[in-house]
């Protein structure tokens, strides 16, 4: 793991709590990206799972790990599709209002 530091423990026990979600999870600090990454040793191929989008490891990391776990993929895709559909409706509604204002 070039340019990465393996975190085995930290003050909020996030690394240990991630293992409760999936025993294969482990956390590294990527020096090149200046960011925390969650990896999974049980994955086939590369172990990378996701980059933590926060400057610190905290409860949000646990929430994100639960949400993005592979068993939750179908639900996550459904949420994304629903959100995209809502945005599409909102943009269409805005466009219609702008057209009405021009008339």
Foldseek 3Di string as FASTA:
>chain_A
DPQKAWDPADDARLQVLLCVVPVQWTWIQRNVVRWIFIFGPPDPDGGTDGTPPDNDDDVVVVVVSNCRPPVNVVVNVVVVVVVVVVVVVVVVVVVVVVVVVVD
